[in-house]
Amino acid sequence: MQGRIAMLCLASLLTVTSARAQQAQTSAAETQAAPTAPRLNGLQGVGDIDVRGVLNADIVLAFVDVGVGVDVGVLQLGPGVLALGGEFQAGVCFTACLLLNTLTGYSWSNMFYSPHARATYHLLPGNSPGLEKVDLYGLALVGATITTTRVAGDVSGTSFEYVGSDVGPSVGLGLGGKYFFNDNLFFGAEGRLRYSSGQYTYSARAGNVTISDSQSTWSLSGFNVQLFAGLRL
């Protein structure tokens, strides 16, 4: 009798131990992350967040602007992906104003600020070997340009100052591309055709006399190429 009881106890113990071992193996298997499918290309996907920094200048640094931007993939649309985002750029007259300061003895300055909302559509040609690290897209921009200009100095002992400012619309279309050095780090360029212009509201002071008017115009319209580097989050 005692032997049967001992055998029953041993069998129960083995059953409980085996069940716990199976539960432990199941839990361990569930906690293992499912393998992630490798990316087929650098195309921005839904949920991808691309952050970039921009530095733009001509070869003589007459005007220099810097900026930051972000695009977020939001929707699979047909064969491509729609991304929405924004950017902010600021520019300053650099060597051109330094040259004017030197030649005239006056103080020259010109600055602009441009916030934009942007939409980009990311699409690669079908059967595109060699583009595994590339993201190609079209873009549309809409926003505003805030610009200021100032000239100040002294003529025959009389000081003067001209200050102009304006806020104008800014819209554009373009094409862009990114090349990925690894899964996250990229370098790229955008060619943009942009319209942005307006008319300064200015005040001019000579000695103790000040006048205000709207007269001179400004424009940042035209085609330009911007270079950038960024990170995919």
C-alpha atoms as a PDB file:
ATOM      1  CA  MET A   1       0.000   0.000   0.000  1.00  0.00           C
ATOM      2  CA  GLN A   2       2.721   2.428   0.943  1.00  0.00           C
ATOM      3  CA  GLY A   3       4.529   1.575  -2.315  1.00  0.00           C
ATOM      4  CA  ARG A   4       1.417   2.439  -4.361  1.00  0.00           C
ATOM      5  CA  ILE A   5       1.004   5.751  -2.563  1.00  0.00           C
ATOM      6  CA  ALA A   6       4.665   6.576  -3.221  1.00  0.00           C
ATOM      7  CA  MET A   7       4.273   5.713  -6.918  1.00  0.00           C
ATOM      8  CA  LEU A   8       1.153   7.933  -7.178  1.00  0.00           C
ATOM      9  CA  CYS A   9       2.997  10.846  -5.518  1.00  0.00           C
ATOM     10  CA  LEU A  10       5.967  10.427  -7.857  1.00  0.00           C
ATOM     11  CA  ALA A  11       3.698  10.341 -10.936  1.00  0.00           C
ATOM     12  CA  SER A  12       1.863  13.490  -9.799  1.00  0.00           C
ATOM     13  CA  LEU A  13       5.160  15.275  -9.206  1.00  0.00           C
ATOM     14  CA  LEU A  14       6.434  14.350 -12.668  1.00  0.00           C
ATOM     15  CA  THR A  15       3.168  15.532 -14.272  1.00  0.00           C
ATOM     16  CA  VAL A  16       3.288  18.937 -12.510  1.00  0.00           C
ATOM     17  CA  THR A  17       6.980  19.392 -13.332  1.00  0.00           C
ATOM     18  CA  SER A  18       6.417  18.543 -16.990  1.00  0.00           C
ATOM     19  CA  ALA A  19       3.464  20.973 -17.248  1.00  0.00           C
ATOM     20  CA  ARG A  20       5.510  23.800 -15.707  1.00  0.00           C
ATOM     21  CA  ALA A  21       8.394  23.103 -18.076  1.00  0.00           C
ATOM     22  CA  GLN A  22       6.051  23.289 -21.075  1.00  0.00           C
ATOM     23  CA  GLN A  23       4.561  26.547 -19.791  1.00  0.00           C
ATOM     24  CA  ALA A  24       8.058  28.018 -19.352  1.00  0.00           C
ATOM     25  CA  GLN A  25       9.013  27.025 -22.911  1.00  0.00           C
ATOM     26  CA  THR A  26       5.788  28.549 -24.288  1.00  0.00           C
ATOM     27  CA  SER A  27       6.355  31.812 -22.386  1.00  0.00           C
ATOM     28  CA  ALA A  28       9.953  32.019 -23.604  1.00  0.00           C
ATOM     29  CA  ALA A  29       8.831  31.470 -27.187  1.00  0.00           C
ATOM     30  CA  GLU A  30       6.140  34.170 -26.862  1.00  0.00           C
ATOM     31  CA  THR A  31       8.607  36.703 -25.494  1.00  0.00           C
ATOM     32  CA  GLN A  32      10.942  36.291 -28.432  1.00  0.00           C
ATOM     33  CA  ALA A  33      10.394  39.103 -30.948  1.00  0.00           C
ATOM     34  CA  ALA A  34       9.222  38.045 -34.359  1.00  0.00           C
ATOM     35  CA  PRO A  35      11.960  38.562 -36.938  1.00  0.00           C
ATOM     36  CA  THR A  36      11.625  41.838 -38.815  1.00  0.00           C
ATOM     37  CA  ALA A  37      11.453  41.616 -42.556  1.00  0.00           C
ATOM     38  CA  PRO A  38      14.420  43.392 -44.143  1.00  0.00           C
ATOM     39  CA  ARG A  39      13.767  46.639 -46.007  1.00  0.00           C
ATOM     40  CA  LEU A  40      13.650  46.204 -49.761  1.00  0.00           C
ATOM     41  CA  ASN A  41      14.599  49.865 -50.408  1.00  0.00           C
ATOM     42  CA  GLY A  42      14.886  53.288 -48.781  1.00  0.00           C
ATOM     43  CA  LEU A  43      11.357  54.353 -49.740  1.00  0.00           C
ATOM     44  CA  GLN A  44       9.677  56.198 -46.862  1.00  0.00           C
ATOM     45  CA  GLY A  45       6.924  54.008 -45.453  1.00  0.00           C
ATOM     46  CA  VAL A  46       3.842  54.671 -43.374  1.00  0.00           C
ATOM     47  CA  GLY A  47       5.010  55.569 -39.859  1.00  0.00           C
ATOM     48  CA  ASP A  48       8.562  56.488 -40.927  1.00  0.00           C
ATOM     49  CA  ILE A  49       9.726  59.862 -39.582  1.00  0.00           C
ATOM     50  CA  ASP A  50      12.497  61.567 -41.555  1.00  0.00           C
ATOM     51  CA  VAL A  51      14.215  64.523 -39.864  1.00  0.00           C
ATOM     52  CA  ARG A  52      16.698  66.642 -41.816  1.00  0.00           C
ATOM     53  CA  GLY A  53      18.913  69.705 -41.558  1.00  0.00           C
ATOM     54  CA  VAL A  54      19.507  72.033 -44.534  1.00  0.00           C
ATOM     55  CA  LEU A  55      22.452  74.255 -45.432  1.00  0.00           C
ATOM     56  CA  ASN A  56      22.087  76.280 -48.623  1.00  0.00           C
ATOM     57  CA  ALA A  57      24.455  78.868 -50.107  1.00  0.00           C
ATOM     58  CA  ASP A  58      26.015  79.902 -53.393  1.00  0.00           C
ATOM     59  CA  ILE A  59      29.720  79.504 -54.062  1.00  0.00           C
ATOM     60  CA  VAL A  60      30.622  83.006 -52.814  1.00  0.00           C
ATOM     61  CA  LEU A  61      28.278  82.854 -49.766  1.00  0.00           C
ATOM     62  CA  ALA A  62      26.431  85.981 -50.892  1.00  0.00           C
ATOM     63  CA  PHE A  63      23.344  84.678 -49.106  1.00  0.00           C
ATOM     64  CA  VAL A  64      23.324  81.784 -46.625  1.00  0.00           C
ATOM     65  CA  ASP A  65      20.302  79.992 -45.228  1.00  0.00           C
ATOM     66  CA  VAL A  66      19.860  77.110 -42.810  1.00  0.00           C
ATOM     67  CA  GLY A  67      16.801  75.112 -41.887  1.00  0.00           C
ATOM     68  CA  VAL A  68      15.227  72.059 -40.295  1.00  0.00           C
ATOM     69  CA  GLY A  69      12.349  69.878 -41.450  1.00  0.00           C
ATOM     70  CA  VAL A  70      10.419  66.687 -40.793  1.00  0.00           C
ATOM     71  CA  ASP A  71       8.293  64.377 -42.965  1.00  0.00           C
ATOM     72  CA  VAL A  72       6.010  61.646 -41.586  1.00  0.00           C
ATOM     73  CA  GLY A  73       4.694  58.817 -43.769  1.00  0.00           C
ATOM     74  CA  VAL A  74       0.922  58.802 -43.248  1.00  0.00           C
ATOM     75  CA  LEU A  75      -0.834  56.889 -46.039  1.00  0.00           C
ATOM     76  CA  GLN A  76      -0.277  54.199 -48.633  1.00  0.00           C
ATOM     77  CA  LEU A  77      -1.678  55.895 -51.730  1.00  0.00           C
ATOM     78  CA  GLY A  78      -1.674  53.843 -54.898  1.00  0.00           C
ATOM     79  CA  PRO A  79       1.818  52.505 -55.645  1.00  0.00           C
ATOM     80  CA  GLY A  80       3.504  55.073 -53.375  1.00  0.00           C
ATOM     81  CA  VAL A  81       3.357  56.640 -49.912  1.00  0.00           C
ATOM     82  CA  LEU A  82       2.057  60.085 -48.963  1.00  0.00           C
ATOM     83  CA  ALA A  83       4.012  61.937 -46.263  1.00  0.00           C
ATOM     84  CA  LEU A  84       3.092  65.200 -44.526  1.00  0.00           C
ATOM     85  CA  GLY A  85       5.407  67.494 -42.631  1.00  0.00           C
ATOM     86  CA  GLY A  86       6.850  70.936 -42.216  1.00  0.00           C
ATOM     87  CA  GLU A  87      10.034  72.954 -42.433  1.00  0.00           C
ATOM     88  CA  PHE A  88      11.486  76.207 -41.180  1.00  0.00           C
ATOM     89  CA  GLN A  89      14.309  78.102 -42.861  1.00  0.00           C
ATOM     90  CA  ALA A  90      16.146  81.304 -42.040  1.00  0.00           C
ATOM     91  CA  GLY A  91      18.518  83.188 -44.327  1.00  0.00           C
ATOM     92  CA  VAL A  92      20.870  86.111 -44.049  1.00  0.00           C
ATOM     93  CA  CYS A  93      22.764  88.307 -46.479  1.00  0.00           C
ATOM     94  CA  PHE A  94      26.428  87.462 -45.815  1.00  0.00           C
ATOM     95  CA  THR A  95      29.323  88.351 -48.123  1.00  0.00           C
ATOM     96  CA  ALA A  96      27.173  90.650 -50.289  1.00  0.00           C
ATOM     97  CA  CYS A  97      26.267  92.781 -47.275  1.00  0.00           C
ATOM     98  CA  LEU A  98      29.844  92.696 -45.981  1.00  0.00           C
ATOM     99  CA  LEU A  99      30.997  94.012 -49.363  1.00  0.00           C
ATOM    100  CA  LEU A 100      28.390  96.792 -49.336  1.00  0.00           C
ATOM    101  CA  ASN A 101      29.404  97.738 -45.787  1.00  0.00           C
ATOM    102  CA  THR A 102      33.034  98.012 -46.889  1.00  0.00           C
ATOM    103  CA  LEU A 103      32.371  99.973 -50.102  1.00  0.00           C
ATOM    104  CA  THR A 104      29.834 102.463 -48.718  1.00  0.00           C
ATOM    105  CA  GLY A 105      30.656 102.696 -45.031  1.00  0.00           C
ATOM    106  CA  TYR A 106      26.989 102.105 -44.267  1.00  0.00           C
ATOM    107  CA  SER A 107      25.463  99.201 -42.329  1.00  0.00           C
ATOM    108  CA  TRP A 108      23.525  96.812 -44.597  1.00  0.00           C
ATOM    109  CA  SER A 109      21.497  93.795 -43.482  1.00  0.00           C
ATOM    110  CA  ASN A 110      18.831  91.570 -44.985  1.00  0.00           C
ATOM    111  CA  MET A 111      17.153  88.517 -43.425  1.00  0.00           C
ATOM    112  CA  PHE A 112      14.226  86.227 -44.142  1.00  0.00           C
ATOM    113  CA  TYR A 113      12.298  83.493 -42.317  1.00  0.00           C
ATOM    114  CA  SER A 114      10.185  80.904 -44.149  1.00  0.00           C
ATOM    115  CA  PRO A 115       7.864  78.416 -42.416  1.00  0.00           C
ATOM    116  CA  HIS A 116       6.262  75.893 -44.791  1.00  0.00           C
ATOM    117  CA  ALA A 117       3.845  73.002 -44.596  1.00  0.00           C
ATOM    118  CA  ARG A 118       4.820  70.292 -47.082  1.00  0.00           C
ATOM    119  CA  ALA A 119       3.434  67.169 -48.696  1.00  0.00           C
ATOM    120  CA  THR A 120       5.644  64.596 -50.398  1.00  0.00           C
ATOM    121  CA  TYR A 121       4.761  61.551 -52.488  1.00  0.00           C
ATOM    122  CA  HIS A 122       7.354  58.763 -52.409  1.00  0.00           C
ATOM    123  CA  LEU A 123       7.564  56.378 -55.322  1.00  0.00           C
ATOM    124  CA  LEU A 124      10.231  54.191 -56.925  1.00  0.00           C
ATOM    125  CA  PRO A 125      10.012  52.828 -60.478  1.00  0.00           C
ATOM    126  CA  GLY A 126       8.963  49.191 -60.696  1.00  0.00           C
ATOM    127  CA  ASN A 127      11.782  46.645 -60.979  1.00  0.00           C
ATOM    128  CA  SER A 128      14.391  49.216 -59.951  1.00  0.00           C
ATOM    129  CA  PRO A 129      17.707  47.434 -59.312  1.00  0.00           C
ATOM    130  CA  GLY A 130      20.401  49.715 -57.931  1.00  0.00           C
ATOM    131  CA  LEU A 131      17.889  51.893 -56.062  1.00  0.00           C
ATOM    132  CA  GLU A 132      17.802  49.809 -52.874  1.00  0.00           C
ATOM    133  CA  LYS A 133      19.237  52.703 -50.834  1.00  0.00           C
ATOM    134  CA  VAL A 134      17.269  55.474 -52.527  1.00  0.00           C
ATOM    135  CA  ASP A 135      14.041  57.340 -51.721  1.00  0.00           C
ATOM    136  CA  LEU A 136      12.630  59.434 -54.604  1.00  0.00           C
ATOM    137  CA  TYR A 137       9.687  61.809 -54.212  1.00  0.00           C
ATOM    138  CA  GLY A 138       7.767  64.805 -55.503  1.00  0.00           C
ATOM    139  CA  LEU A 139       6.895  67.657 -53.162  1.00  0.00           C
ATOM    140  CA  ALA A 140       4.554  70.608 -52.729  1.00  0.00           C
ATOM    141  CA  LEU A 141       5.113  73.539 -50.345  1.00  0.00           C
ATOM    142  CA  VAL A 142       2.828  76.225 -48.973  1.00  0.00           C
ATOM    143  CA  GLY A 143       3.713  78.824 -46.371  1.00  0.00           C
ATOM    144  CA  ALA A 144       4.947  82.372 -45.902  1.00  0.00           C
ATOM    145  CA  THR A 145       8.108  84.450 -46.077  1.00  0.00           C
ATOM    146  CA  ILE A 146       8.882  87.083 -43.461  1.00  0.00           C
ATOM    147  CA  THR A 147      11.613  89.422 -44.641  1.00  0.00           C
ATOM    148  CA  THR A 148      13.400  92.498 -43.271  1.00  0.00           C
ATOM    149  CA  THR A 149      16.028  94.813 -44.712  1.00  0.00           C
ATOM    150  CA  ARG A 150      17.939  97.678 -43.135  1.00  0.00           C
ATOM    151  CA  VAL A 151      20.430 100.322 -44.266  1.00  0.00           C
ATOM    152  CA  ALA A 152      21.844 102.832 -41.799  1.00  0.00           C
ATOM    153  CA  GLY A 153      24.696 105.311 -41.823  1.00  0.00           C
ATOM    154  CA  ASP A 154      25.733 108.938 -41.735  1.00  0.00           C
ATOM    155  CA  VAL A 155      25.882 111.494 -44.573  1.00  0.00           C
ATOM    156  CA  SER A 156      27.553 114.849 -43.948  1.00  0.00           C
ATOM    157  CA  GLY A 157      26.922 114.563 -40.231  1.00  0.00           C
ATOM    158  CA  THR A 158      23.255 113.605 -40.624  1.00  0.00           C
ATOM    159  CA  SER A 159      22.341 110.075 -39.636  1.00  0.00           C
ATOM    160  CA  PHE A 160      19.826 108.106 -41.649  1.00  0.00           C
ATOM    161  CA  GLU A 161      18.108 104.731 -41.434  1.00  0.00           C
ATOM    162  CA  TYR A 162      15.966 102.769 -43.866  1.00  0.00           C
ATOM    163  CA  VAL A 163      14.021  99.808 -42.473  1.00  0.00           C
ATOM    164  CA  GLY A 164      11.691  97.680 -44.575  1.00  0.00           C
ATOM    165  CA  SER A 165       9.629  94.621 -43.666  1.00  0.00           C
ATOM    166  CA  ASP A 166       6.949  92.433 -45.221  1.00  0.00           C
ATOM    167  CA  VAL A 167       5.137  89.092 -44.983  1.00  0.00           C
ATOM    168  CA  GLY A 168       4.344  87.421 -48.287  1.00  0.00           C
ATOM    169  CA  PRO A 169       3.022  84.082 -49.551  1.00  0.00           C
ATOM    170  CA  SER A 170       5.391  81.267 -50.451  1.00  0.00           C
ATOM    171  CA  VAL A 171       4.429  78.240 -52.579  1.00  0.00           C
ATOM    172  CA  GLY A 172       6.486  75.738 -54.481  1.00  0.00           C
ATOM    173  CA  LEU A 173       6.791  72.441 -56.323  1.00  0.00           C
ATOM    174  CA  GLY A 174       9.790  70.200 -56.688  1.00  0.00           C
ATOM    175  CA  LEU A 175      11.505  66.837 -56.817  1.00  0.00           C
ATOM    176  CA  GLY A 176      13.797  65.286 -54.233  1.00  0.00           C
ATOM    177  CA  GLY A 177      15.840  62.242 -53.433  1.00  0.00           C
ATOM    178  CA  LYS A 178      17.662  60.660 -50.494  1.00  0.00           C
ATOM    179  CA  TYR A 179      20.531  58.196 -50.425  1.00  0.00           C
ATOM    180  CA  PHE A 180      20.879  56.048 -47.310  1.00  0.00           C
ATOM    181  CA  PHE A 181      24.362  55.291 -45.993  1.00  0.00           C
ATOM    182  CA  ASN A 182      22.751  52.799 -43.597  1.00  0.00           C
ATOM    183  CA  ASP A 183      19.202  52.038 -42.430  1.00  0.00           C
ATOM    184  CA  ASN A 184      18.819  55.456 -40.769  1.00  0.00           C
ATOM    185  CA  LEU A 185      21.352  58.037 -41.996  1.00  0.00           C
ATOM    186  CA  PHE A 186      20.770  59.752 -45.337  1.00  0.00           C
ATOM    187  CA  PHE A 187      22.021  62.560 -47.548  1.00  0.00           C
ATOM    188  CA  GLY A 188      19.873  64.187 -50.198  1.00  0.00           C
ATOM    189  CA  ALA A 189      18.909  67.074 -52.455  1.00  0.00           C
ATOM    190  CA  GLU A 190      15.751  68.850 -53.579  1.00  0.00           C
ATOM    191  CA  GLY A 191      15.212  70.908 -56.710  1.00  0.00           C
ATOM    192  CA  ARG A 192      12.449  73.438 -56.009  1.00  0.00           C
ATOM    193  CA  LEU A 193      10.579  75.939 -58.170  1.00  0.00           C
ATOM    194  CA  ARG A 194       9.229  78.536 -55.786  1.00  0.00           C
ATOM    195  CA  TYR A 195       7.140  81.693 -55.889  1.00  0.00           C
ATOM    196  CA  SER A 196       7.605  84.164 -53.033  1.00  0.00           C
ATOM    197  CA  SER A 197       7.496  87.950 -53.411  1.00  0.00           C
ATOM    198  CA  GLY A 198       5.979  91.085 -51.948  1.00  0.00           C
ATOM    199  CA  GLN A 199       6.376  94.770 -51.272  1.00  0.00           C
ATOM    200  CA  TYR A 200       8.218  96.327 -48.373  1.00  0.00           C
ATOM    201  CA  THR A 201       6.463  98.592 -45.932  1.00  0.00           C
ATOM    202  CA  TYR A 202       9.312 100.824 -44.910  1.00  0.00           C
ATOM    203  CA  SER A 203      10.222 103.758 -42.725  1.00  0.00           C
ATOM    204  CA  ALA A 204      13.017 106.106 -43.723  1.00  0.00           C
ATOM    205  CA  ARG A 205      14.582 108.499 -41.250  1.00  0.00           C
ATOM    206  CA  ALA A 206      17.007 111.332 -42.005  1.00  0.00           C
ATOM    207  CA  GLY A 207      17.953 113.331 -38.956  1.00  0.00           C
ATOM    208  CA  ASN A 208      14.690 114.048 -37.160  1.00  0.00           C
ATOM    209  CA  VAL A 209      12.464 113.501 -40.202  1.00  0.00           C
ATOM    210  CA  THR A 210      10.763 110.114 -40.694  1.00  0.00           C
ATOM    211  CA  ILE A 211       8.523 109.012 -43.552  1.00  0.00           C
ATOM    212  CA  SER A 212       6.732 105.709 -44.173  1.00  0.00           C
ATOM    213  CA  ASP A 213       5.486 104.193 -47.410  1.00  0.00           C
ATOM    214  CA  SER A 214       5.117 100.997 -49.441  1.00  0.00           C
ATOM    215  CA  GLN A 215       7.343 101.123 -52.459  1.00  0.00           C
ATOM    216  CA  SER A 216      10.253  98.777 -53.078  1.00  0.00           C
ATOM    217  CA  THR A 217       9.582  95.130 -53.878  1.00  0.00           C
ATOM    218  CA  TRP A 218      11.405  91.948 -52.942  1.00  0.00           C
ATOM    219  CA  SER A 219      11.434  88.456 -54.425  1.00  0.00           C
ATOM    220  CA  LEU A 220      12.763  85.025 -53.504  1.00  0.00           C
ATOM    221  CA  SER A 221      11.071  83.406 -56.497  1.00  0.00           C
ATOM    222  CA  GLY A 222      12.937  81.073 -58.810  1.00  0.00           C
ATOM    223  CA  PHE A 223      14.524  77.653 -59.004  1.00  0.00           C
ATOM    224  CA  ASN A 224      17.099  76.473 -56.489  1.00  0.00           C
ATOM    225  CA  VAL A 225      18.711  73.261 -55.297  1.00  0.00           C
ATOM    226  CA  GLN A 226      18.970  72.489 -51.586  1.00  0.00           C
ATOM    227  CA  LEU A 227      21.287  69.927 -49.998  1.00  0.00           C
ATOM    228  CA  PHE A 228      20.477  68.236 -46.705  1.00  0.00           C
ATOM    229  CA  ALA A 229      21.410  65.428 -44.333  1.00  0.00           C
ATOM    230  CA  GLY A 230      19.082  63.640 -41.982  1.00  0.00           C
ATOM    231  CA  LEU A 231      17.973  60.703 -39.911  1.00  0.00           C
ATOM    232  CA  ARG A 232      15.096  58.256 -40.225  1.00  0.00           C
ATOM    233  CA  LEU A 233      13.496  57.561 -36.854  1.00  0.00           C
END
